[in-house]
Each structure stands twice: as structure tokens, then as C-alpha cells.
Amino acid sequence: MSRNATSDTRKKDTREKIALGGLIVKAGLRFEKRALLLGALIELQQRLKSDDSERARLTAIGAEAFGNESE
């Protein structure tokens, strides 16, 4: 049973990583260097810690992008 739980956990982790990679593609950043993407994400994490209005602004942009998926 422990083996199945481990396998399920790994599958869930893999699906999550694939979905997160899809966000990079959807944002139009597929061909950017990994170092740039990581740097941008680290800076974003720092900004979000200190600025709730930035979180709200970016959430609205993302929600709009998901709403326009058919385009």
C-alpha cells in the first residue's frame, strides 16, 4: 500500500509540474531562458510578500487570460 501511495504522490506531483509548465507556455514565455524565468518568479514572490495590491492586479490579469482561452 505504501508503494501505491508513493506512486500516486509522484503522479500528482508530475501533473502539477506539467500544469505549471503550461502556464509558462500560455504566458508566451516558452523560449525564454530558464534562468530568466526563475529570476522573474523569485522577484515576483518577493513582491507578492510585500504588496497585496500587486497580488490583486496580477490575479485580475491572469483571470482575464484564462477567460480568453478560446482566442
C-alpha atoms as a PDB file:
ATOM      1  CA  MET A   1       0.000   0.000   0.000  1.00  0.00           C
ATOM      2  CA  SER A   2       2.857   2.352   0.748  1.00  0.00           C
ATOM      3  CA  ARG A   3       4.164   1.739  -2.750  1.00  0.00           C
ATOM      4  CA  ASN A   4       0.825   2.800  -4.287  1.00  0.00           C
ATOM      5  CA  ALA A   5       0.669   5.905  -2.121  1.00  0.00           C
ATOM      6  CA  THR A   6       4.171   6.868  -3.224  1.00  0.00           C
ATOM      7  CA  SER A   7       3.272   6.254  -6.857  1.00  0.00           C
ATOM      8  CA  ASP A   8       0.099   8.341  -6.551  1.00  0.00           C
ATOM      9  CA  THR A   9       2.042  11.165  -4.898  1.00  0.00           C
ATOM     10  CA  ARG A  10       4.621  11.118  -7.685  1.00  0.00           C
ATOM     11  CA  LYS A  11       1.915  11.139 -10.368  1.00  0.00           C
ATOM     12  CA  LYS A  12       0.172  14.081  -8.694  1.00  0.00           C
ATOM     13  CA  ASP A  13       3.484  15.950  -8.468  1.00  0.00           C
ATOM     14  CA  THR A  14       4.206  15.276 -12.142  1.00  0.00           C
ATOM     15  CA  ARG A  15       0.750  16.502 -13.234  1.00  0.00           C
ATOM     16  CA  GLU A  16       1.220  19.672 -11.162  1.00  0.00           C
ATOM     17  CA  LYS A  17       4.608  20.392 -12.756  1.00  0.00           C
ATOM     18  CA  ILE A  18       3.203  19.841 -16.243  1.00  0.00           C
ATOM     19  CA  ALA A  19       0.343  22.247 -15.489  1.00  0.00           C
ATOM     20  CA  LEU A  20       2.793  24.871 -14.201  1.00  0.00           C
ATOM     21  CA  GLY A  21       4.878  24.475 -17.362  1.00  0.00           C
ATOM     22  CA  GLY A  22       1.699  25.063 -19.340  1.00  0.00           C
ATOM     23  CA  LEU A  23       1.353  28.425 -17.636  1.00  0.00           C
ATOM     24  CA  ILE A  24       4.783  29.423 -18.932  1.00  0.00           C
ATOM     25  CA  VAL A  25       3.682  28.497 -22.451  1.00  0.00           C
ATOM     26  CA  LYS A  26       0.330  30.303 -22.088  1.00  0.00           C
ATOM     27  CA  ALA A  27       2.145  33.448 -20.948  1.00  0.00           C
ATOM     28  CA  GLY A  28       4.200  33.395 -24.160  1.00  0.00           C
ATOM     29  CA  LEU A  29       7.470  32.663 -22.375  1.00  0.00           C
ATOM     30  CA  ARG A  30       8.226  29.233 -23.849  1.00  0.00           C
ATOM     31  CA  PHE A  31      11.520  30.282 -25.441  1.00  0.00           C
ATOM     32  CA  GLU A  32      12.919  32.386 -22.602  1.00  0.00           C
ATOM     33  CA  LYS A  33      15.966  31.125 -20.724  1.00  0.00           C
ATOM     34  CA  ARG A  34      15.272  29.154 -17.581  1.00  0.00           C
ATOM     35  CA  ALA A  35      17.456  31.492 -15.513  1.00  0.00           C
ATOM     36  CA  LEU A  36      15.344  34.471 -16.599  1.00  0.00           C
ATOM     37  CA  LEU A  37      12.116  32.680 -15.743  1.00  0.00           C
ATOM     38  CA  LEU A  38      13.385  31.622 -12.337  1.00  0.00           C
ATOM     39  CA  GLY A  39      14.672  35.116 -11.613  1.00  0.00           C
ATOM     40  CA  ALA A  40      11.334  36.628 -12.578  1.00  0.00           C
ATOM     41  CA  LEU A  41       9.454  34.163 -10.382  1.00  0.00           C
ATOM     42  CA  ILE A  42      11.732  34.806  -7.410  1.00  0.00           C
ATOM     43  CA  GLU A  43      11.255  38.559  -7.767  1.00  0.00           C
ATOM     44  CA  LEU A  44       7.508  38.079  -8.112  1.00  0.00           C
ATOM     45  CA  GLN A  45       7.427  36.030  -4.923  1.00  0.00           C
ATOM     46  CA  GLN A  46       9.228  38.836  -3.091  1.00  0.00           C
ATOM     47  CA  ARG A  47       6.858  41.481  -4.464  1.00  0.00           C
ATOM     48  CA  LEU A  48       3.804  39.470  -3.512  1.00  0.00           C
ATOM     49  CA  LYS A  49       5.011  39.221   0.078  1.00  0.00           C
ATOM     50  CA  SER A  50       5.097  42.981   0.426  1.00  0.00           C
ATOM     51  CA  ASP A  51       2.298  44.259  -1.818  1.00  0.00           C
ATOM     52  CA  ASP A  52      -1.271  42.928  -1.674  1.00  0.00           C
ATOM     53  CA  SER A  53      -2.408  45.321  -4.397  1.00  0.00           C
ATOM     54  CA  GLU A  54       0.142  43.779  -6.774  1.00  0.00           C
ATOM     55  CA  ARG A  55      -1.298  40.344  -5.997  1.00  0.00           C
ATOM     56  CA  ALA A  56      -4.808  41.592  -6.813  1.00  0.00           C
ATOM     57  CA  ARG A  57      -3.659  43.299 -10.012  1.00  0.00           C
ATOM     58  CA  LEU A  58      -1.840  40.235 -11.314  1.00  0.00           C
ATOM     59  CA  THR A  59      -4.698  37.932 -10.335  1.00  0.00           C
ATOM     60  CA  ALA A  60      -7.069  40.040 -12.423  1.00  0.00           C
ATOM     61  CA  ILE A  61      -4.729  39.860 -15.425  1.00  0.00           C
ATOM     62  CA  GLY A  62      -4.457  36.084 -15.083  1.00  0.00           C
ATOM     63  CA  ALA A  63      -8.197  35.606 -14.664  1.00  0.00           C
ATOM     64  CA  GLU A  64      -8.783  37.604 -17.833  1.00  0.00           C
ATOM     65  CA  ALA A  65      -6.240  35.492 -19.727  1.00  0.00           C
ATOM     66  CA  PHE A  66      -7.948  32.279 -18.610  1.00  0.00           C
ATOM     67  CA  GLY A  67     -11.278  33.757 -19.652  1.00  0.00           C
ATOM     68  CA  ASN A  68      -9.901  34.313 -23.168  1.00  0.00           C
ATOM     69  CA  GLU A  69      -8.592  30.749 -23.652  1.00  0.00           C
ATOM     70  CA  SER A  70     -10.547  30.251 -26.868  1.00  0.00           C
ATOM     71  CA  GLU A  71      -8.706  33.093 -28.568  1.00  0.00           C
END
